[in-house]
C-alpha atoms as a PDB file:
ATOM      1  CA  UNK A   1       0.000   0.000   0.000  1.00  0.00           C
ATOM      2  CA  UNK A   2       1.480   3.404  -0.886  1.00  0.00           C
ATOM      3  CA  UNK A   3       2.544   5.467   2.057  1.00  0.00           C
ATOM      4  CA  UNK A   4      -0.018   8.134   1.189  1.00  0.00           C
ATOM      5  CA  UNK A   5      -2.824   5.623   1.631  1.00  0.00           C
ATOM      6  CA  UNK A   6      -1.753   4.029   4.880  1.00  0.00           C
ATOM      7  CA  UNK A   7      -3.859   4.607   7.968  1.00  0.00           C
ATOM      8  CA  UNK A   8      -3.441   8.318   8.687  1.00  0.00           C
ATOM      9  CA  UNK A   9      -3.046   9.822  12.112  1.00  0.00           C
ATOM     10  CA  UNK A  10      -5.656  12.236  13.452  1.00  0.00           C
ATOM     11  CA  UNK A  11      -3.358  15.181  12.809  1.00  0.00           C
ATOM     12  CA  UNK A  12      -3.085  14.739   9.031  1.00  0.00           C
ATOM     13  CA  UNK A  13      -5.470  16.468   6.622  1.00  0.00           C
ATOM     14  CA  UNK A  14      -6.394  13.072   5.178  1.00  0.00           C
ATOM     15  CA  UNK A  15      -7.447  11.842   8.622  1.00  0.00           C
ATOM     16  CA  UNK A  16      -9.562  14.918   9.275  1.00  0.00           C
ATOM     17  CA  UNK A  17     -11.239  14.524   5.880  1.00  0.00           C
ATOM     18  CA  UNK A  18     -11.810  10.822   6.511  1.00  0.00           C
ATOM     19  CA  UNK A  19     -13.362  11.481   9.890  1.00  0.00           C
ATOM     20  CA  UNK A  20     -15.653  14.195   8.523  1.00  0.00           C
ATOM     21  CA  UNK A  21     -17.153  12.204   5.652  1.00  0.00           C
ATOM     22  CA  UNK A  22     -16.968   8.444   6.234  1.00  0.00           C
ATOM     23  CA  UNK A  23     -20.569   7.930   5.133  1.00  0.00           C
ATOM     24  CA  UNK A  24     -20.014   9.796   1.878  1.00  0.00           C
ATOM     25  CA  UNK A  25     -17.093   7.472   1.131  1.00  0.00           C
ATOM     26  CA  UNK A  26     -19.273   4.536   2.152  1.00  0.00           C
ATOM     27  CA  UNK A  27     -22.124   5.485  -0.199  1.00  0.00           C
ATOM     28  CA  UNK A  28     -19.846   6.112  -3.154  1.00  0.00           C
ATOM     29  CA  UNK A  29     -17.983   2.828  -2.665  1.00  0.00           C
ATOM     30  CA  UNK A  30     -21.180   0.897  -1.942  1.00  0.00           C
ATOM     31  CA  UNK A  31     -22.906   2.307  -5.020  1.00  0.00           C
ATOM     32  CA  UNK A  32     -20.173   0.795  -7.168  1.00  0.00           C
ATOM     33  CA  UNK A  33     -20.519  -2.574  -5.427  1.00  0.00           C
ATOM     34  CA  UNK A  34     -24.274  -2.339  -5.968  1.00  0.00           C
ATOM     35  CA  UNK A  35     -23.712  -1.832  -9.709  1.00  0.00           C
ATOM     36  CA  UNK A  36     -21.273  -4.749  -9.899  1.00  0.00           C
ATOM     37  CA  UNK A  37     -23.595  -7.154  -8.072  1.00  0.00           C
ATOM     38  CA  UNK A  38     -26.575  -5.947 -10.084  1.00  0.00           C
ATOM     39  CA  UNK A  39     -24.658  -6.422 -13.322  1.00  0.00           C
ATOM     40  CA  UNK A  40     -23.652  -9.923 -12.280  1.00  0.00           C
ATOM     41  CA  UNK A  41     -27.236 -11.079 -11.687  1.00  0.00           C
ATOM     42  CA  UNK A  42     -29.487  -8.977 -13.953  1.00  0.00           C
ATOM     43  CA  UNK A  43     -28.572 -10.783 -17.120  1.00  0.00           C
ATOM     44  CA  UNK A  44     -29.642 -14.221 -15.875  1.00  0.00           C
ATOM     45  CA  UNK A  45     -33.307 -13.404 -16.378  1.00  0.00           C
ATOM     46  CA  UNK A  46     -32.657 -11.766 -19.744  1.00  0.00           C
ATOM     47  CA  UNK A  47     -31.155 -14.870 -21.348  1.00  0.00           C
ATOM     48  CA  UNK A  48     -34.285 -15.643 -23.389  1.00  0.00           C
ATOM     49  CA  UNK A  49     -34.363 -12.069 -24.675  1.00  0.00           C
ATOM     50  CA  UNK A  50     -30.724 -12.440 -25.706  1.00  0.00           C
ATOM     51  CA  UNK A  51     -31.588 -15.635 -27.584  1.00  0.00           C
ATOM     52  CA  UNK A  52     -34.299 -13.757 -29.475  1.00  0.00           C
ATOM     53  CA  UNK A  53     -31.944 -10.856 -30.228  1.00  0.00           C
ATOM     54  CA  UNK A  54     -29.219 -13.143 -31.545  1.00  0.00           C
ATOM     55  CA  UNK A  55     -31.335 -15.854 -33.214  1.00  0.00           C
ATOM     56  CA  UNK A  56     -28.504 -17.425 -35.199  1.00  0.00           C
ATOM     57  CA  UNK A  57     -26.345 -17.915 -32.110  1.00  0.00           C
ATOM     58  CA  UNK A  58     -26.417 -21.210 -30.242  1.00  0.00           C
ATOM     59  CA  UNK A  59     -27.354 -21.313 -26.565  1.00  0.00           C
ATOM     60  CA  UNK A  60     -23.887 -22.695 -25.816  1.00  0.00           C
ATOM     61  CA  UNK A  61     -22.182 -19.726 -27.465  1.00  0.00           C
ATOM     62  CA  UNK A  62     -24.615 -17.294 -25.903  1.00  0.00           C
ATOM     63  CA  UNK A  63     -23.909 -18.727 -22.462  1.00  0.00           C
ATOM     64  CA  UNK A  64     -20.461 -17.153 -22.724  1.00  0.00           C
ATOM     65  CA  UNK A  65     -22.118 -13.769 -22.278  1.00  0.00           C
ATOM     66  CA  UNK A  66     -22.818 -14.887 -18.702  1.00  0.00           C
ATOM     67  CA  UNK A  67     -19.948 -17.286 -18.074  1.00  0.00           C
ATOM     68  CA  UNK A  68     -17.075 -15.175 -19.392  1.00  0.00           C
ATOM     69  CA  UNK A  69     -18.022 -12.366 -17.020  1.00  0.00           C
ATOM     70  CA  UNK A  70     -18.302 -14.654 -14.001  1.00  0.00           C
ATOM     71  CA  UNK A  71     -15.033 -16.499 -14.637  1.00  0.00           C
ATOM     72  CA  UNK A  72     -12.980 -13.364 -15.336  1.00  0.00           C
ATOM     73  CA  UNK A  73     -14.491 -11.460 -12.403  1.00  0.00           C
ATOM     74  CA  UNK A  74     -13.730 -14.275  -9.959  1.00  0.00           C
ATOM     75  CA  UNK A  75     -10.215 -14.836 -11.317  1.00  0.00           C
ATOM     76  CA  UNK A  76      -9.261 -11.164 -11.124  1.00  0.00           C
ATOM     77  CA  UNK A  77     -10.502 -10.236  -7.634  1.00  0.00           C
ATOM     78  CA  UNK A  78      -7.301 -11.098  -5.755  1.00  0.00           C
ATOM     79  CA  UNK A  79      -4.876  -9.592  -8.298  1.00  0.00           C
ATOM     80  CA  UNK A  80      -7.058  -6.472  -8.401  1.00  0.00           C
ATOM     81  CA  UNK A  81      -6.728  -6.059  -4.644  1.00  0.00           C
ATOM     82  CA  UNK A  82      -2.968  -6.089  -5.133  1.00  0.00           C
ATOM     83  CA  UNK A  83      -3.271  -3.423  -7.834  1.00  0.00           C
ATOM     84  CA  UNK A  84      -5.313  -1.246  -5.471  1.00  0.00           C
ATOM     85  CA  UNK A  85      -2.605  -1.647  -2.832  1.00  0.00           C
ATOM     86  CA  UNK A  86       0.186  -0.895  -5.288  1.00  0.00           C
ATOM     87  CA  UNK A  87      -1.332   2.029  -7.198  1.00  0.00           C
ATOM     88  CA  UNK A  88      -3.806   3.476  -4.725  1.00  0.00           C
ATOM     89  CA  UNK A  89      -7.323   2.383  -3.949  1.00  0.00           C
ATOM     90  CA  UNK A  90      -8.947   5.624  -5.115  1.00  0.00           C
ATOM     91  CA  UNK A  91      -7.064   5.659  -8.419  1.00  0.00           C
ATOM     92  CA  UNK A  92      -7.961   2.020  -9.128  1.00  0.00           C
ATOM     93  CA  UNK A  93     -11.562   2.666  -8.038  1.00  0.00           C
ATOM     94  CA  UNK A  94     -11.924   5.628 -10.413  1.00  0.00           C
ATOM     95  CA  UNK A  95     -10.328   3.727 -13.296  1.00  0.00           C
ATOM     96  CA  UNK A  96     -12.490   0.691 -12.636  1.00  0.00           C
ATOM     97  CA  UNK A  97     -15.685   2.733 -12.443  1.00  0.00           C
ATOM     98  CA  UNK A  98     -15.017   4.775 -15.581  1.00  0.00           C
ATOM     99  CA  UNK A  99     -14.195   1.765 -17.745  1.00  0.00           C
ATOM    100  CA  UNK A 100     -16.980  -0.343 -16.181  1.00  0.00           C
ATOM    101  CA  UNK A 101     -19.523   2.305 -17.203  1.00  0.00           C
ATOM    102  CA  UNK A 102     -18.013   2.527 -20.690  1.00  0.00           C
ATOM    103  CA  UNK A 103     -18.093  -1.251 -21.073  1.00  0.00           C
ATOM    104  CA  UNK A 104     -21.713  -1.265 -19.905  1.00  0.00           C
ATOM    105  CA  UNK A 105     -22.588   1.180 -22.671  1.00  0.00           C
ATOM    106  CA  UNK A 106     -20.707  -1.011 -25.154  1.00  0.00           C
ATOM    107  CA  UNK A 107     -22.785  -4.005 -24.011  1.00  0.00           C
ATOM    108  CA  UNK A 108     -25.971  -2.089 -24.716  1.00  0.00           C
ATOM    109  CA  UNK A 109     -24.756  -1.195 -28.201  1.00  0.00           C
ATOM    110  CA  UNK A 110     -23.377  -4.650 -29.054  1.00  0.00           C
ATOM    111  CA  UNK A 111     -24.320  -5.564 -32.635  1.00  0.00           C
ATOM    112  CA  UNK A 112     -22.997  -9.140 -32.350  1.00  0.00           C
ATOM    113  CA  UNK A 113     -22.572 -11.787 -29.672  1.00  0.00           C
ATOM    114  CA  UNK A 114     -18.790 -11.551 -30.038  1.00  0.00           C
ATOM    115  CA  UNK A 115     -18.941  -7.836 -29.348  1.00  0.00           C
ATOM    116  CA  UNK A 116     -21.196  -8.448 -26.338  1.00  0.00           C
ATOM    117  CA  UNK A 117     -18.870 -11.105 -24.912  1.00  0.00           C
ATOM    118  CA  UNK A 118     -15.848  -8.819 -25.375  1.00  0.00           C
ATOM    119  CA  UNK A 119     -17.634  -5.927 -23.656  1.00  0.00           C
ATOM    120  CA  UNK A 120     -18.678  -8.245 -20.806  1.00  0.00           C
ATOM    121  CA  UNK A 121     -15.037  -9.316 -20.401  1.00  0.00           C
ATOM    122  CA  UNK A 122     -13.995  -5.675 -20.046  1.00  0.00           C
ATOM    123  CA  UNK A 123     -16.853  -5.151 -17.578  1.00  0.00           C
ATOM    124  CA  UNK A 124     -15.667  -8.115 -15.525  1.00  0.00           C
ATOM    125  CA  UNK A 125     -12.072  -6.892 -15.443  1.00  0.00           C
ATOM    126  CA  UNK A 126     -13.183  -3.492 -14.206  1.00  0.00           C
ATOM    127  CA  UNK A 127     -15.754  -4.897 -11.782  1.00  0.00           C
ATOM    128  CA  UNK A 128     -12.914  -6.897 -10.273  1.00  0.00           C
ATOM    129  CA  UNK A 129     -11.015  -3.630  -9.760  1.00  0.00           C
ATOM    130  CA  UNK A 130     -14.005  -1.960  -8.134  1.00  0.00           C
ATOM    131  CA  UNK A 131     -14.803  -4.586  -5.524  1.00  0.00           C
ATOM    132  CA  UNK A 132     -11.554  -4.746  -3.505  1.00  0.00           C
ATOM    133  CA  UNK A 133     -10.851  -1.040  -3.999  1.00  0.00           C
ATOM    134  CA  UNK A 134     -14.306  -0.117  -2.702  1.00  0.00           C
ATOM    135  CA  UNK A 135     -13.891  -2.306   0.374  1.00  0.00           C
ATOM    136  CA  UNK A 136     -10.520  -0.706   1.028  1.00  0.00           C
ATOM    137  CA  UNK A 137     -12.075   2.756   0.710  1.00  0.00           C
ATOM    138  CA  UNK A 138     -14.778   1.815   3.227  1.00  0.00           C
ATOM    139  CA  UNK A 139     -12.215   0.364   5.635  1.00  0.00           C
ATOM    140  CA  UNK A 140     -10.027   3.457   5.475  1.00  0.00           C
ATOM    141  CA  UNK A 141     -12.980   5.835   5.896  1.00  0.00           C
ATOM    142  CA  UNK A 142     -14.009   4.525   9.309  1.00  0.00           C
ATOM    143  CA  UNK A 143     -12.178   4.296  12.613  1.00  0.00           C
ATOM    144  CA  UNK A 144     -11.330   0.761  13.705  1.00  0.00           C
ATOM    145  CA  UNK A 145     -14.206   0.530  16.173  1.00  0.00           C
ATOM    146  CA  UNK A 146     -16.794   1.226  13.425  1.00  0.00           C
ATOM    147  CA  UNK A 147     -15.309  -0.842  10.614  1.00  0.00           C
ATOM    148  CA  UNK A 148     -17.245  -4.028  11.357  1.00  0.00           C
ATOM    149  CA  UNK A 149     -20.557  -2.205  10.975  1.00  0.00           C
ATOM    150  CA  UNK A 150     -19.383  -0.375   7.848  1.00  0.00           C
ATOM    151  CA  UNK A 151     -18.120  -3.542   6.144  1.00  0.00           C
ATOM    152  CA  UNK A 152     -21.282  -5.437   7.128  1.00  0.00           C
ATOM    153  CA  UNK A 153     -23.410  -2.734   5.526  1.00  0.00           C
ATOM    154  CA  UNK A 154     -21.141  -2.689   2.467  1.00  0.00           C
ATOM    155  CA  UNK A 155     -21.687  -6.437   2.067  1.00  0.00           C
ATOM    156  CA  UNK A 156     -25.430  -6.022   2.591  1.00  0.00           C
ATOM    157  CA  UNK A 157     -25.576  -3.490  -0.254  1.00  0.00           C
ATOM    158  CA  UNK A 158     -23.970  -6.041  -2.585  1.00  0.00           C
ATOM    159  CA  UNK A 159     -26.342  -8.726  -1.329  1.00  0.00           C
ATOM    160  CA  UNK A 160     -29.340  -6.487  -1.914  1.00  0.00           C
ATOM    161  CA  UNK A 161     -28.230  -5.845  -5.489  1.00  0.00           C
ATOM    162  CA  UNK A 162     -27.718  -9.563  -6.100  1.00  0.00           C
ATOM    163  CA  UNK A 163     -31.242 -10.213  -4.818  1.00  0.00           C
ATOM    164  CA  UNK A 164     -32.817  -7.395  -6.855  1.00  0.00           C
ATOM    165  CA  UNK A 165     -30.875  -8.137 -10.062  1.00  0.00           C
ATOM    166  CA  UNK A 166     -32.932 -10.990 -11.520  1.00  0.00           C
ATOM    167  CA  UNK A 167     -36.254  -9.239 -10.853  1.00  0.00           C
ATOM    168  CA  UNK A 168     -34.994  -5.954 -12.245  1.00  0.00           C
ATOM    169  CA  UNK A 169     -33.575  -7.764 -15.271  1.00  0.00           C
ATOM    170  CA  UNK A 170     -36.967  -9.397 -15.877  1.00  0.00           C
ATOM    171  CA  UNK A 171     -38.779  -6.083 -15.541  1.00  0.00           C
ATOM    172  CA  UNK A 172     -36.400  -4.286 -17.925  1.00  0.00           C
ATOM    173  CA  UNK A 173     -36.629  -7.143 -20.434  1.00  0.00           C
ATOM    174  CA  UNK A 174     -40.419  -7.056 -20.254  1.00  0.00           C
ATOM    175  CA  UNK A 175     -40.519  -3.264 -20.674  1.00  0.00           C
ATOM    176  CA  UNK A 176     -38.134  -3.366 -23.624  1.00  0.00           C
ATOM    177  CA  UNK A 177     -40.320  -5.938 -25.339  1.00  0.00           C
END
């Protein structure tokens, strides 16, 4: 972890900022985790709509839209935590969020299954950056005695998104026709 991102003392400007806005940091970091968990689960209920959109594609090939994301996301979580430690959690978080949003837009504009799978791979790589960096941001925002509550709530936000994802995916698919 870079020296500038180690646990600050109460006399540093970073510590004063951290102590004045831990919940703002929490909501920003948790919003990203919400998006990642939502993105992971929303598409499950939209699989039939994908099959209709890409009629000439086999179900086996189309399953890579889901599977490629899941495999890459899981494989990259630990290395991404190391990147956040090495290059700074906020920098990695911002990079992850910006490219994740861009990849999400690319998914929506995908003209072919190959394009969609490639965009989902980029999403997964950036989602893997967001998750450990966001937890690190939450941990550093709160004093030690409040971290357990903060991390529990952070996890609950991800769990809520995972629970809402399939229903929201179904609703969006139904609305889109």
